[in-house]
Each structure stands twice: as C-alpha cells, then as structure tokens.
Amino acid sequence: MGVKRPNYAPMKSSPDASVNFEVTPLRYSWFWLGLGVLFILVVTIASLIDLKPVKDMLVQDKLMHVLTYGFLMGWFSQIYKPHFARFLLAVSLIVLGVGIEFMQGLVAFRQFEVLDMLANAVGVIIAWALSYTWMGNILLWCESLLED
C-alpha cells in the first residue's frame, strides 16, 4: 500500500562518510535494526551461560558457530548495504566472536577455543558474500508482502 519504493541498487563509494552508512530503503529499518541488536544480545548471553542442560539438543558445535554468525551478518547486511558498511559489519562481528571466546575462557563452565573463532569468521564471510545475491533482500521482500 502507498508509495512504491524503487529497487535498491548498491551505492558507489563516496568520500562522504554519511553516505557510506545510509540505511537501505526498508520501511521498518528501525524495527529490523532493533531486532538485530536483540539477536546479538541473545547470542552473547547464550555464549556465556551454562548450556549443559540443552547440549544434547544442539547440533554440531562448529556448525552452530558458522550458522549463528552467518545469520547475524546476513541480517545486518540487509539493513546496511554499502560495501564499506558491510566491511565494518564483518570486522565488528568477527571481533565480537573473538571477544566472546576470550570471555568464555574466564567462565568456569565454558571454554576458550580458537576453532570457534574461526567458525564464527567463516560464517560472517559466507554471509557477507551471500548478501550480494538475492539473499541480501529477504527483509525487503518481507516488507513487500506486508504492503500488498
């Protein structure tokens, strides 16, 4: 309903930093962004609590790391489409994964693993690449369903 928005085309890099962080033409971008921040909080908390009671229900550990950090990168790369913004998102999520691993080394019931950091980075990089395909427009597609 209402005004049809044009399809989003990736922006060319610009010396003006404000252009490089422009939010996509998502109608509910603040909602999607808030939900993404909630996802990061959930991942951070789940990474630092004792998961032994549900450990049997979890799939292979490294696969969970790849999927979780891939999901986060995929989510935020739909909100921030410019190349430099996506680069900063990737770096930030990799740093988050490394930081969480170091915090896990300080918690008695969790353990520090370099392979978890690598799995997190692999998930981020795969999602970064996929964000330039049709998968980078899933939230825009969801919004188009709401408008019809």
C-alpha atoms as a PDB file:
ATOM      1  CA  MET A   1       0.000   0.000   0.000  1.00  0.00           C
ATOM      2  CA  GLY A   2       1.150   3.535  -0.545  1.00  0.00           C
ATOM      3  CA  VAL A   3       4.161   4.707  -2.483  1.00  0.00           C
ATOM      4  CA  LYS A   4       6.212   2.065  -4.262  1.00  0.00           C
ATOM      5  CA  ARG A   5       9.892   2.271  -3.404  1.00  0.00           C
ATOM      6  CA  PRO A   6      12.468   1.728  -6.124  1.00  0.00           C
ATOM      7  CA  ASN A   7      14.601  -1.410  -6.070  1.00  0.00           C
ATOM      8  CA  TYR A   8      17.801  -0.835  -4.179  1.00  0.00           C
ATOM      9  CA  ALA A   9      20.995  -0.662  -6.197  1.00  0.00           C
ATOM     10  CA  PRO A  10      24.306  -0.828  -4.331  1.00  0.00           C
ATOM     11  CA  MET A  11      25.780   2.614  -3.779  1.00  0.00           C
ATOM     12  CA  LYS A  12      29.126   3.597  -5.189  1.00  0.00           C
ATOM     13  CA  SER A  13      31.716   4.514  -2.614  1.00  0.00           C
ATOM     14  CA  SER A  14      31.771   8.157  -1.684  1.00  0.00           C
ATOM     15  CA  PRO A  15      34.228  10.286   0.259  1.00  0.00           C
ATOM     16  CA  ASP A  16      31.294  11.478   2.374  1.00  0.00           C
ATOM     17  CA  ALA A  17      31.170   9.043   5.338  1.00  0.00           C
ATOM     18  CA  SER A  18      27.476   9.730   5.973  1.00  0.00           C
ATOM     19  CA  VAL A  19      26.603   8.252   2.571  1.00  0.00           C
ATOM     20  CA  ASN A  20      28.516   5.051   3.309  1.00  0.00           C
ATOM     21  CA  PHE A  21      26.255   4.211   6.245  1.00  0.00           C
ATOM     22  CA  GLU A  22      22.929   5.012   4.659  1.00  0.00           C
ATOM     23  CA  VAL A  23      20.229   2.593   5.711  1.00  0.00           C
ATOM     24  CA  THR A  24      18.512   0.659   2.927  1.00  0.00           C
ATOM     25  CA  PRO A  25      15.052   1.692   1.763  1.00  0.00           C
ATOM     26  CA  LEU A  26      13.468  -0.652   4.277  1.00  0.00           C
ATOM     27  CA  ARG A  27      10.268   0.838   5.553  1.00  0.00           C
ATOM     28  CA  TYR A  28      10.739  -0.687   9.016  1.00  0.00           C
ATOM     29  CA  SER A  29      14.519  -0.344   9.196  1.00  0.00           C
ATOM     30  CA  TRP A  30      14.470   0.678  12.883  1.00  0.00           C
ATOM     31  CA  PHE A  31      12.409  -2.391  13.731  1.00  0.00           C
ATOM     32  CA  TRP A  32      14.811  -4.674  11.831  1.00  0.00           C
ATOM     33  CA  LEU A  33      17.796  -2.956  13.450  1.00  0.00           C
ATOM     34  CA  GLY A  34      16.300  -3.305  16.934  1.00  0.00           C
ATOM     35  CA  LEU A  35      15.566  -6.961  16.315  1.00  0.00           C
ATOM     36  CA  GLY A  36      19.157  -7.446  15.129  1.00  0.00           C
ATOM     37  CA  VAL A  37      20.508  -5.869  18.325  1.00  0.00           C
ATOM     38  CA  LEU A  38      18.264  -8.242  20.284  1.00  0.00           C
ATOM     39  CA  PHE A  39      19.744 -11.166  18.315  1.00  0.00           C
ATOM     40  CA  ILE A  40      23.271 -10.023  19.251  1.00  0.00           C
ATOM     41  CA  LEU A  41      22.274  -9.837  22.922  1.00  0.00           C
ATOM     42  CA  VAL A  42      20.786 -13.336  22.783  1.00  0.00           C
ATOM     43  CA  VAL A  43      23.928 -14.729  21.118  1.00  0.00           C
ATOM     44  CA  THR A  44      26.165 -13.012  23.661  1.00  0.00           C
ATOM     45  CA  ILE A  45      24.159 -14.260  26.653  1.00  0.00           C
ATOM     46  CA  ALA A  46      23.818 -17.780  25.226  1.00  0.00           C
ATOM     47  CA  SER A  47      27.573 -17.834  24.654  1.00  0.00           C
ATOM     48  CA  LEU A  48      28.310 -17.073  28.301  1.00  0.00           C
ATOM     49  CA  ILE A  49      25.775 -19.206  30.179  1.00  0.00           C
ATOM     50  CA  ASP A  50      25.959 -22.900  31.007  1.00  0.00           C
ATOM     51  CA  LEU A  51      24.394 -24.845  28.133  1.00  0.00           C
ATOM     52  CA  LYS A  52      24.962 -28.346  29.561  1.00  0.00           C
ATOM     53  CA  PRO A  53      21.218 -28.894  30.191  1.00  0.00           C
ATOM     54  CA  VAL A  54      20.467 -28.413  26.456  1.00  0.00           C
ATOM     55  CA  LYS A  55      23.789 -29.553  24.994  1.00  0.00           C
ATOM     56  CA  ASP A  56      22.295 -32.824  23.689  1.00  0.00           C
ATOM     57  CA  MET A  57      19.736 -30.865  21.657  1.00  0.00           C
ATOM     58  CA  LEU A  58      22.356 -28.698  19.921  1.00  0.00           C
ATOM     59  CA  VAL A  59      23.769 -29.731  16.569  1.00  0.00           C
ATOM     60  CA  GLN A  60      27.484 -29.901  15.910  1.00  0.00           C
ATOM     61  CA  ASP A  61      29.253 -27.048  17.722  1.00  0.00           C
ATOM     62  CA  LYS A  62      31.268 -25.554  14.842  1.00  0.00           C
ATOM     63  CA  LEU A  63      28.255 -25.673  12.532  1.00  0.00           C
ATOM     64  CA  MET A  64      26.272 -23.717  15.131  1.00  0.00           C
ATOM     65  CA  HIS A  65      29.010 -21.069  15.184  1.00  0.00           C
ATOM     66  CA  VAL A  66      29.019 -20.768  11.378  1.00  0.00           C
ATOM     67  CA  LEU A  67      25.218 -20.555  11.201  1.00  0.00           C
ATOM     68  CA  THR A  68      24.852 -18.131  14.116  1.00  0.00           C
ATOM     69  CA  TYR A  69      27.437 -15.622  12.935  1.00  0.00           C
ATOM     70  CA  GLY A  70      26.323 -16.088   9.341  1.00  0.00           C
ATOM     71  CA  PHE A  71      22.792 -15.250  10.393  1.00  0.00           C
ATOM     72  CA  LEU A  72      23.937 -12.111  12.214  1.00  0.00           C
ATOM     73  CA  MET A  73      25.989 -10.903   9.236  1.00  0.00           C
ATOM     74  CA  GLY A  74      23.171 -11.736   6.841  1.00  0.00           C
ATOM     75  CA  TRP A  75      20.687  -9.846   8.979  1.00  0.00           C
ATOM     76  CA  PHE A  76      22.679  -6.647   9.342  1.00  0.00           C
ATOM     77  CA  SER A  77      23.961  -6.654   5.756  1.00  0.00           C
ATOM     78  CA  GLN A  78      20.353  -6.306   4.625  1.00  0.00           C
ATOM     79  CA  ILE A  79      19.979  -3.153   6.675  1.00  0.00           C
ATOM     80  CA  TYR A  80      23.320  -1.602   5.736  1.00  0.00           C
ATOM     81  CA  LYS A  81      24.038  -2.265   2.057  1.00  0.00           C
ATOM     82  CA  PRO A  82      27.005  -0.045   1.123  1.00  0.00           C
ATOM     83  CA  HIS A  83      30.232  -2.002   0.676  1.00  0.00           C
ATOM     84  CA  PHE A  84      32.210  -0.177   3.358  1.00  0.00           C
ATOM     85  CA  ALA A  85      29.392  -0.567   5.897  1.00  0.00           C
ATOM     86  CA  ARG A  86      29.287  -4.298   5.209  1.00  0.00           C
ATOM     87  CA  PHE A  87      33.052  -4.483   5.612  1.00  0.00           C
ATOM     88  CA  LEU A  88      32.765  -2.788   9.025  1.00  0.00           C
ATOM     89  CA  LEU A  89      29.914  -5.126   9.971  1.00  0.00           C
ATOM     90  CA  ALA A  90      32.048  -8.138   9.079  1.00  0.00           C
ATOM     91  CA  VAL A  91      35.007  -6.863  11.086  1.00  0.00           C
ATOM     92  CA  SER A  92      32.772  -5.975  14.035  1.00  0.00           C
ATOM     93  CA  LEU A  93      31.099  -9.379  14.137  1.00  0.00           C
ATOM     94  CA  ILE A  94      34.435 -11.178  13.886  1.00  0.00           C
ATOM     95  CA  VAL A  95      35.762  -9.030  16.750  1.00  0.00           C
ATOM     96  CA  LEU A  96      32.587  -9.810  18.723  1.00  0.00           C
ATOM     97  CA  GLY A  97      33.166 -13.534  18.208  1.00  0.00           C
ATOM     98  CA  VAL A  98      36.797 -13.265  19.308  1.00  0.00           C
ATOM     99  CA  GLY A  99      35.827 -11.207  22.347  1.00  0.00           C
ATOM    100  CA  ILE A 100      33.140 -13.666  23.383  1.00  0.00           C
ATOM    101  CA  GLU A 101      35.633 -16.530  23.098  1.00  0.00           C
ATOM    102  CA  PHE A 102      38.029 -14.718  25.425  1.00  0.00           C
ATOM    103  CA  MET A 103      35.158 -14.093  27.875  1.00  0.00           C
ATOM    104  CA  GLN A 104      34.277 -17.799  27.701  1.00  0.00           C
ATOM    105  CA  GLY A 105      37.824 -18.553  28.821  1.00  0.00           C
ATOM    106  CA  LEU A 106      37.072 -16.614  32.005  1.00  0.00           C
ATOM    107  CA  VAL A 107      33.869 -18.542  32.800  1.00  0.00           C
ATOM    108  CA  ALA A 108      34.245 -21.836  34.660  1.00  0.00           C
ATOM    109  CA  PHE A 109      31.668 -23.814  32.652  1.00  0.00           C
ATOM    110  CA  ARG A 110      32.700 -22.581  29.168  1.00  0.00           C
ATOM    111  CA  GLN A 111      35.984 -22.963  27.326  1.00  0.00           C
ATOM    112  CA  PHE A 112      38.124 -20.840  25.025  1.00  0.00           C
ATOM    113  CA  GLU A 113      38.508 -22.352  21.530  1.00  0.00           C
ATOM    114  CA  VAL A 114      40.375 -20.843  18.603  1.00  0.00           C
ATOM    115  CA  LEU A 115      38.398 -23.072  16.221  1.00  0.00           C
ATOM    116  CA  ASP A 116      35.190 -21.402  17.427  1.00  0.00           C
ATOM    117  CA  MET A 117      36.651 -18.029  16.429  1.00  0.00           C
ATOM    118  CA  LEU A 118      37.492 -19.451  13.014  1.00  0.00           C
ATOM    119  CA  ALA A 119      33.986 -20.891  12.626  1.00  0.00           C
ATOM    120  CA  ASN A 120      32.477 -17.512  13.559  1.00  0.00           C
ATOM    121  CA  ALA A 121      34.639 -15.765  10.944  1.00  0.00           C
ATOM    122  CA  VAL A 122      33.738 -18.347   8.287  1.00  0.00           C
ATOM    123  CA  GLY A 123      30.035 -17.748   8.941  1.00  0.00           C
ATOM    124  CA  VAL A 124      30.493 -13.993   8.666  1.00  0.00           C
ATOM    125  CA  ILE A 125      32.447 -14.257   5.401  1.00  0.00           C
ATOM    126  CA  ILE A 126      29.975 -16.673   3.787  1.00  0.00           C
ATOM    127  CA  ALA A 127      27.027 -14.438   4.700  1.00  0.00           C
ATOM    128  CA  TRP A 128      28.915 -11.370   3.508  1.00  0.00           C
ATOM    129  CA  ALA A 129      29.324 -12.989   0.096  1.00  0.00           C
ATOM    130  CA  LEU A 130      25.696 -14.171   0.027  1.00  0.00           C
ATOM    131  CA  SER A 131      24.483 -10.674   0.899  1.00  0.00           C
ATOM    132  CA  TYR A 132      25.281  -9.655  -2.687  1.00  0.00           C
ATOM    133  CA  THR A 133      22.819 -12.254  -4.009  1.00  0.00           C
ATOM    134  CA  TRP A 134      19.030 -12.426  -3.703  1.00  0.00           C
ATOM    135  CA  MET A 135      19.567 -13.354  -0.050  1.00  0.00           C
ATOM    136  CA  GLY A 136      20.571  -9.761   0.651  1.00  0.00           C
ATOM    137  CA  ASN A 137      16.986  -8.660   0.002  1.00  0.00           C
ATOM    138  CA  ILE A 138      14.957 -11.012   2.181  1.00  0.00           C
ATOM    139  CA  LEU A 139      13.841  -8.268   4.595  1.00  0.00           C
ATOM    140  CA  LEU A 140      12.849  -6.051   1.670  1.00  0.00           C
ATOM    141  CA  TRP A 141      10.844  -8.975   0.285  1.00  0.00           C
ATOM    142  CA  CYS A 142       9.152  -9.451   3.681  1.00  0.00           C
ATOM    143  CA  GLU A 143       8.165  -5.800   3.692  1.00  0.00           C
ATOM    144  CA  SER A 144       6.766  -6.092   0.157  1.00  0.00           C
ATOM    145  CA  LEU A 145       4.464  -8.860   1.401  1.00  0.00           C
ATOM    146  CA  LEU A 146       3.157  -6.532   4.097  1.00  0.00           C
ATOM    147  CA  GLU A 147       2.425  -3.799   1.563  1.00  0.00           C
ATOM    148  CA  ASP A 148       0.327  -5.936  -0.771  1.00  0.00           C
END
